[in-house]
N, C-alpha and C. Protein backbone atom coordinates (compact mmCIF):
# COMPACT_ATOMS: atom_id res chain seq x y z
N MET A 1 -4.68 -24.86 1.52
CA MET A 1 -4.62 -23.98 0.40
C MET A 1 -3.61 -22.90 0.73
N THR A 2 -2.75 -22.65 -0.21
CA THR A 2 -1.69 -21.61 0.01
C THR A 2 -2.20 -20.26 -0.30
N ARG A 3 -1.64 -19.29 0.40
CA ARG A 3 -2.05 -17.86 0.19
C ARG A 3 -1.19 -17.35 -0.95
N PRO A 4 -1.81 -16.52 -1.76
CA PRO A 4 -1.01 -15.92 -2.86
C PRO A 4 0.04 -14.94 -2.34
N THR A 5 1.18 -15.03 -2.89
CA THR A 5 2.31 -14.14 -2.44
C THR A 5 2.77 -13.32 -3.66
N LEU A 6 3.74 -12.47 -3.38
CA LEU A 6 4.28 -11.68 -4.44
C LEU A 6 4.97 -12.55 -5.47
N ARG A 7 5.60 -13.59 -5.02
CA ARG A 7 6.25 -14.49 -5.91
C ARG A 7 5.35 -15.16 -6.95
N THR A 8 4.18 -15.64 -6.41
CA THR A 8 3.28 -16.31 -7.35
C THR A 8 2.61 -15.31 -8.25
N GLY A 9 2.40 -14.08 -7.78
CA GLY A 9 1.88 -13.04 -8.67
C GLY A 9 2.81 -12.59 -9.76
N ALA A 10 4.14 -12.54 -9.39
CA ALA A 10 5.13 -12.15 -10.42
C ALA A 10 5.24 -13.31 -11.43
N LEU A 11 5.18 -14.53 -10.97
CA LEU A 11 5.24 -15.66 -11.93
C LEU A 11 4.05 -15.63 -12.82
N THR A 12 2.92 -15.38 -12.38
CA THR A 12 1.68 -15.31 -13.22
C THR A 12 1.79 -14.17 -14.24
N LEU A 13 2.31 -13.05 -13.81
CA LEU A 13 2.51 -11.91 -14.70
C LEU A 13 3.50 -12.20 -15.78
N ALA A 14 4.58 -12.92 -15.44
CA ALA A 14 5.63 -13.29 -16.37
C ALA A 14 5.10 -14.33 -17.44
N ALA A 15 4.23 -15.27 -16.95
CA ALA A 15 3.69 -16.22 -17.83
C ALA A 15 2.67 -15.56 -18.82
N ALA A 16 1.92 -14.63 -18.33
CA ALA A 16 0.99 -13.92 -19.22
C ALA A 16 1.75 -13.06 -20.29
N ALA A 17 2.84 -12.46 -19.80
CA ALA A 17 3.61 -11.66 -20.83
C ALA A 17 4.26 -12.61 -21.84
N LEU A 18 4.69 -13.79 -21.40
CA LEU A 18 5.36 -14.69 -22.43
C LEU A 18 4.31 -15.21 -23.38
N LEU A 19 3.08 -15.58 -22.88
CA LEU A 19 2.10 -16.10 -23.80
C LEU A 19 1.56 -15.05 -24.79
N SER A 20 1.56 -13.79 -24.31
CA SER A 20 1.04 -12.71 -25.19
C SER A 20 2.09 -12.34 -26.26
N SER A 21 3.40 -12.70 -26.00
CA SER A 21 4.37 -12.35 -26.96
C SER A 21 4.56 -13.35 -28.06
N LEU A 22 4.03 -14.55 -27.85
CA LEU A 22 4.14 -15.67 -28.83
C LEU A 22 3.15 -15.44 -29.94
N PRO A 23 3.54 -15.70 -31.17
CA PRO A 23 2.58 -15.53 -32.20
C PRO A 23 1.53 -16.67 -32.15
N LEU A 24 0.33 -16.38 -32.65
CA LEU A 24 -0.73 -17.34 -32.48
C LEU A 24 -0.63 -18.47 -33.51
N ALA A 25 0.01 -18.26 -34.62
CA ALA A 25 0.29 -19.33 -35.53
C ALA A 25 1.70 -19.08 -36.13
N SER A 26 2.40 -20.16 -36.36
CA SER A 26 3.79 -20.03 -36.81
C SER A 26 3.80 -19.53 -38.27
N ALA A 27 4.93 -18.99 -38.65
CA ALA A 27 5.03 -18.44 -39.99
C ALA A 27 4.93 -19.54 -41.06
N GLU A 28 5.45 -20.69 -40.80
CA GLU A 28 5.37 -21.81 -41.77
C GLU A 28 3.94 -22.26 -41.95
N ALA A 29 3.15 -22.29 -40.93
CA ALA A 29 1.76 -22.66 -41.08
C ALA A 29 1.03 -21.70 -41.94
N GLN A 30 1.38 -20.41 -41.81
CA GLN A 30 0.63 -19.40 -42.60
C GLN A 30 1.09 -19.53 -44.03
N TYR A 31 2.33 -19.97 -44.22
CA TYR A 31 2.81 -20.10 -45.64
C TYR A 31 2.11 -21.30 -46.36
N TYR A 32 2.09 -22.41 -45.64
CA TYR A 32 1.45 -23.59 -46.29
C TYR A 32 -0.05 -23.65 -46.25
N TYR A 33 -0.69 -23.00 -45.28
CA TYR A 33 -2.14 -22.90 -45.19
C TYR A 33 -2.53 -21.51 -45.10
N PRO A 34 -2.56 -20.83 -46.22
CA PRO A 34 -2.92 -19.39 -46.13
C PRO A 34 -4.36 -19.17 -45.73
N ARG A 35 -4.58 -18.22 -44.92
CA ARG A 35 -5.91 -17.91 -44.41
C ARG A 35 -6.41 -16.67 -45.12
N PRO A 36 -7.73 -16.52 -45.18
CA PRO A 36 -8.25 -15.26 -45.79
C PRO A 36 -7.87 -14.06 -44.77
N ARG A 37 -7.63 -12.97 -45.37
CA ARG A 37 -7.19 -11.75 -44.62
C ARG A 37 -8.29 -10.95 -44.02
N ASN A 38 -9.35 -11.59 -43.47
CA ASN A 38 -10.38 -10.80 -42.85
C ASN A 38 -10.15 -10.52 -41.35
N ASP A 39 -9.05 -11.05 -40.80
CA ASP A 39 -8.57 -10.85 -39.42
C ASP A 39 -9.67 -11.23 -38.37
N ALA A 40 -10.55 -12.18 -38.65
CA ALA A 40 -11.49 -12.57 -37.71
C ALA A 40 -10.87 -13.39 -36.59
N GLY A 41 -9.85 -14.20 -36.89
CA GLY A 41 -9.17 -14.96 -35.87
C GLY A 41 -8.36 -14.13 -34.97
N ALA A 42 -7.71 -13.02 -35.52
CA ALA A 42 -6.94 -12.11 -34.75
C ALA A 42 -7.79 -11.34 -33.76
N ALA A 43 -9.06 -11.01 -34.23
CA ALA A 43 -9.91 -10.29 -33.37
C ALA A 43 -10.43 -11.12 -32.12
N ILE A 44 -10.68 -12.44 -32.48
CA ILE A 44 -11.08 -13.35 -31.38
C ILE A 44 -9.91 -13.53 -30.39
N ALA A 45 -8.70 -13.77 -30.95
CA ALA A 45 -7.49 -14.01 -30.09
C ALA A 45 -7.21 -12.72 -29.31
N GLY A 46 -7.42 -11.57 -29.90
CA GLY A 46 -7.15 -10.34 -29.13
C GLY A 46 -8.17 -10.18 -28.02
N GLY A 47 -9.41 -10.49 -28.26
CA GLY A 47 -10.46 -10.45 -27.26
C GLY A 47 -10.16 -11.37 -26.14
N VAL A 48 -9.72 -12.64 -26.45
CA VAL A 48 -9.41 -13.55 -25.37
C VAL A 48 -8.23 -13.10 -24.54
N LEU A 49 -7.19 -12.62 -25.25
CA LEU A 49 -6.05 -12.08 -24.50
C LEU A 49 -6.31 -10.91 -23.67
N GLY A 50 -7.15 -9.99 -24.28
CA GLY A 50 -7.54 -8.81 -23.43
C GLY A 50 -8.34 -9.26 -22.21
N GLY A 51 -9.24 -10.17 -22.36
CA GLY A 51 -9.96 -10.69 -21.16
C GLY A 51 -9.04 -11.30 -20.09
N LEU A 52 -8.03 -12.05 -20.58
CA LEU A 52 -7.11 -12.64 -19.58
C LEU A 52 -6.30 -11.61 -18.88
N VAL A 53 -5.79 -10.62 -19.64
CA VAL A 53 -4.94 -9.62 -18.99
C VAL A 53 -5.87 -8.69 -18.11
N GLY A 54 -7.07 -8.39 -18.57
CA GLY A 54 -7.94 -7.60 -17.76
C GLY A 54 -8.39 -8.37 -16.47
N GLY A 55 -8.70 -9.64 -16.61
CA GLY A 55 -9.00 -10.40 -15.45
C GLY A 55 -7.84 -10.49 -14.48
N LEU A 56 -6.68 -10.62 -14.97
CA LEU A 56 -5.49 -10.65 -14.08
C LEU A 56 -5.33 -9.31 -13.36
N ALA A 57 -5.50 -8.25 -14.09
CA ALA A 57 -5.40 -6.88 -13.46
C ALA A 57 -6.50 -6.69 -12.42
N ALA A 58 -7.73 -7.09 -12.80
CA ALA A 58 -8.88 -6.95 -11.80
C ALA A 58 -8.64 -7.83 -10.58
N GLY A 59 -8.13 -8.99 -10.70
CA GLY A 59 -7.81 -9.86 -9.59
C GLY A 59 -6.68 -9.29 -8.72
N ALA A 60 -5.73 -8.66 -9.36
CA ALA A 60 -4.64 -8.02 -8.57
C ALA A 60 -5.21 -6.83 -7.75
N ILE A 61 -6.05 -6.06 -8.34
CA ILE A 61 -6.65 -4.92 -7.70
C ILE A 61 -7.53 -5.29 -6.56
N VAL A 62 -8.36 -6.34 -6.72
CA VAL A 62 -9.26 -6.83 -5.69
C VAL A 62 -8.45 -7.40 -4.49
N ASN A 63 -7.45 -8.19 -4.81
CA ASN A 63 -6.66 -8.89 -3.76
C ASN A 63 -5.73 -7.91 -3.08
N SER A 64 -5.39 -6.81 -3.71
CA SER A 64 -4.42 -5.85 -3.03
C SER A 64 -5.13 -5.11 -1.94
N GLY A 65 -6.46 -5.01 -1.97
CA GLY A 65 -7.21 -4.26 -0.96
C GLY A 65 -7.44 -5.06 0.27
N ARG A 66 -7.21 -6.31 0.24
CA ARG A 66 -7.50 -7.22 1.38
C ARG A 66 -6.38 -7.06 2.32
N PRO A 67 -6.66 -6.83 3.61
CA PRO A 67 -5.56 -6.73 4.64
C PRO A 67 -5.00 -8.08 4.90
N ASN A 68 -3.70 -8.11 5.12
CA ASN A 68 -3.00 -9.34 5.43
C ASN A 68 -3.12 -9.56 6.93
N VAL A 69 -4.13 -10.24 7.37
CA VAL A 69 -4.28 -10.44 8.76
C VAL A 69 -3.91 -11.90 9.08
N TYR A 70 -2.98 -12.09 10.04
CA TYR A 70 -2.53 -13.36 10.48
C TYR A 70 -3.07 -13.65 11.87
N TYR A 71 -3.84 -14.72 11.91
CA TYR A 71 -4.38 -15.18 13.17
C TYR A 71 -3.56 -16.33 13.67
N PRO A 72 -2.86 -16.15 14.84
CA PRO A 72 -2.03 -17.24 15.29
C PRO A 72 -2.88 -18.44 15.76
N PRO A 73 -2.38 -19.65 15.63
CA PRO A 73 -3.18 -20.75 16.06
C PRO A 73 -3.35 -20.70 17.62
N VAL A 74 -4.58 -21.13 17.95
CA VAL A 74 -5.01 -21.07 19.37
C VAL A 74 -4.50 -22.33 20.01
N ALA A 75 -3.71 -22.14 21.14
CA ALA A 75 -3.23 -23.28 21.89
C ALA A 75 -4.32 -23.89 22.68
N ALA A 76 -4.23 -25.13 22.88
CA ALA A 76 -5.17 -25.88 23.73
C ALA A 76 -4.99 -25.46 25.15
N PRO A 77 -6.08 -25.36 25.88
CA PRO A 77 -5.93 -24.90 27.30
C PRO A 77 -5.14 -25.97 28.07
N ALA A 78 -4.47 -25.46 29.15
CA ALA A 78 -3.75 -26.38 29.96
C ALA A 78 -4.59 -27.31 30.73
N PRO A 79 -4.20 -28.55 30.98
CA PRO A 79 -4.99 -29.42 31.76
C PRO A 79 -5.16 -28.95 33.17
N VAL A 80 -6.29 -29.09 33.71
CA VAL A 80 -6.64 -28.60 35.05
C VAL A 80 -6.75 -29.79 35.99
N TYR A 81 -5.97 -29.69 37.14
CA TYR A 81 -5.96 -30.66 38.15
C TYR A 81 -7.13 -30.38 39.10
N VAL A 82 -8.01 -31.28 39.21
CA VAL A 82 -9.22 -31.15 40.10
C VAL A 82 -8.88 -31.93 41.34
N GLN A 83 -8.79 -31.24 42.42
CA GLN A 83 -8.46 -31.93 43.72
C GLN A 83 -9.73 -32.75 44.15
N PRO A 84 -9.52 -33.98 44.46
CA PRO A 84 -10.69 -34.71 44.90
C PRO A 84 -11.21 -34.23 46.31
N GLU A 85 -12.53 -34.46 46.50
CA GLU A 85 -13.11 -34.05 47.70
C GLU A 85 -12.49 -34.89 48.85
N PRO A 86 -12.31 -34.22 49.99
CA PRO A 86 -11.73 -35.02 51.16
C PRO A 86 -12.81 -36.07 51.61
N VAL A 87 -12.20 -37.18 52.04
CA VAL A 87 -13.05 -38.32 52.57
C VAL A 87 -13.01 -38.22 54.11
N TYR A 88 -14.14 -37.98 54.70
CA TYR A 88 -14.20 -37.91 56.14
C TYR A 88 -14.55 -39.27 56.75
N GLU A 89 -13.71 -39.77 57.62
CA GLU A 89 -13.98 -41.01 58.28
C GLU A 89 -14.20 -40.71 59.78
N TYR A 90 -14.99 -41.56 60.33
CA TYR A 90 -15.19 -41.41 61.76
C TYR A 90 -14.06 -41.98 62.46
N VAL A 91 -13.34 -41.11 63.17
CA VAL A 91 -12.23 -41.54 64.08
C VAL A 91 -12.65 -41.25 65.44
N PRO A 92 -12.74 -42.29 66.24
CA PRO A 92 -13.14 -42.09 67.61
C PRO A 92 -12.09 -41.30 68.38
N SER A 93 -12.57 -40.46 69.26
CA SER A 93 -11.60 -39.70 70.06
C SER A 93 -11.40 -40.49 71.35
N CYS A 94 -10.17 -40.67 71.66
CA CYS A 94 -9.75 -41.46 72.81
C CYS A 94 -8.92 -40.65 73.77
N ARG A 95 -9.09 -41.02 75.07
CA ARG A 95 -8.29 -40.28 76.06
C ARG A 95 -7.94 -41.30 77.14
N MET A 96 -7.00 -40.91 77.95
CA MET A 96 -6.57 -41.78 79.06
C MET A 96 -7.16 -41.23 80.33
N GLU A 97 -7.81 -42.16 81.09
CA GLU A 97 -8.37 -41.80 82.34
C GLU A 97 -7.75 -42.65 83.49
N ARG A 98 -7.77 -42.04 84.59
CA ARG A 98 -7.22 -42.83 85.75
C ARG A 98 -8.47 -43.40 86.52
N ARG A 99 -8.46 -44.70 86.64
CA ARG A 99 -9.62 -45.28 87.30
C ARG A 99 -9.12 -46.18 88.46
N THR A 100 -10.09 -46.31 89.32
CA THR A 100 -9.81 -47.21 90.52
C THR A 100 -10.28 -48.61 90.21
N VAL A 101 -9.35 -49.52 90.35
CA VAL A 101 -9.68 -50.95 90.13
C VAL A 101 -9.56 -51.67 91.43
N TRP A 102 -10.65 -52.36 91.76
CA TRP A 102 -10.62 -53.13 93.04
C TRP A 102 -10.00 -54.50 92.82
N LEU A 103 -9.12 -54.86 93.66
CA LEU A 103 -8.41 -56.18 93.51
C LEU A 103 -9.23 -57.22 94.30
N ASP A 104 -9.67 -56.82 95.45
CA ASP A 104 -10.53 -57.77 96.25
C ASP A 104 -11.40 -56.82 97.03
N GLN A 105 -12.06 -57.34 98.07
CA GLN A 105 -13.07 -56.54 98.80
C GLN A 105 -12.43 -55.44 99.57
N TYR A 106 -11.23 -55.50 99.94
CA TYR A 106 -10.57 -54.50 100.84
C TYR A 106 -9.42 -53.68 100.13
N THR A 107 -8.86 -54.12 99.00
CA THR A 107 -7.72 -53.43 98.35
C THR A 107 -8.12 -52.95 97.01
N TYR A 108 -7.55 -51.89 96.66
CA TYR A 108 -7.73 -51.39 95.32
C TYR A 108 -6.48 -50.69 94.76
N THR A 109 -6.40 -50.44 93.49
CA THR A 109 -5.30 -49.76 92.84
C THR A 109 -5.81 -48.80 91.80
N HIS A 110 -4.90 -47.87 91.36
CA HIS A 110 -5.29 -46.96 90.23
C HIS A 110 -4.58 -47.37 89.03
N ARG A 111 -5.22 -47.43 87.90
CA ARG A 111 -4.67 -47.76 86.60
C ARG A 111 -5.16 -46.74 85.56
N SER A 112 -4.23 -46.58 84.54
CA SER A 112 -4.65 -45.74 83.43
C SER A 112 -5.37 -46.61 82.44
N VAL A 113 -6.57 -46.10 82.07
CA VAL A 113 -7.43 -46.86 81.12
C VAL A 113 -7.73 -45.97 79.88
N ARG A 114 -7.69 -46.56 78.77
CA ARG A 114 -7.96 -45.82 77.57
C ARG A 114 -9.46 -45.89 77.35
N VAL A 115 -10.07 -44.67 77.17
CA VAL A 115 -11.53 -44.58 77.03
C VAL A 115 -11.83 -43.91 75.66
N CYS A 116 -12.55 -44.60 74.76
CA CYS A 116 -12.83 -44.04 73.51
C CYS A 116 -14.32 -43.88 73.36
N GLU A 117 -14.68 -42.74 72.76
CA GLU A 117 -16.11 -42.44 72.55
C GLU A 117 -16.53 -42.61 71.14
């Protein structure tokens, strides 16, 4: 739905002025079909036109008091990256030890051996 602007209000006012300036019946119709001169139709038409003009003025007064507040559109929040929880794996700790290795009953040697716990 569009908001009323000054342009639409001015067009409405111009249309009401144009309609009020037109005669309700043409001169030829009054010549061929004469009406009695009690002016009952003119009173009804005047009342309708007065109601239209009064309603237009009342609407303009009511709408002019409303503040023109513009609420900007709310942007969607930025996507959030959630870091996954760390996965802990059991990694055995290993170290190098120097051990004595017997070759036979009388001889031995030292070797580096990897020991993991």
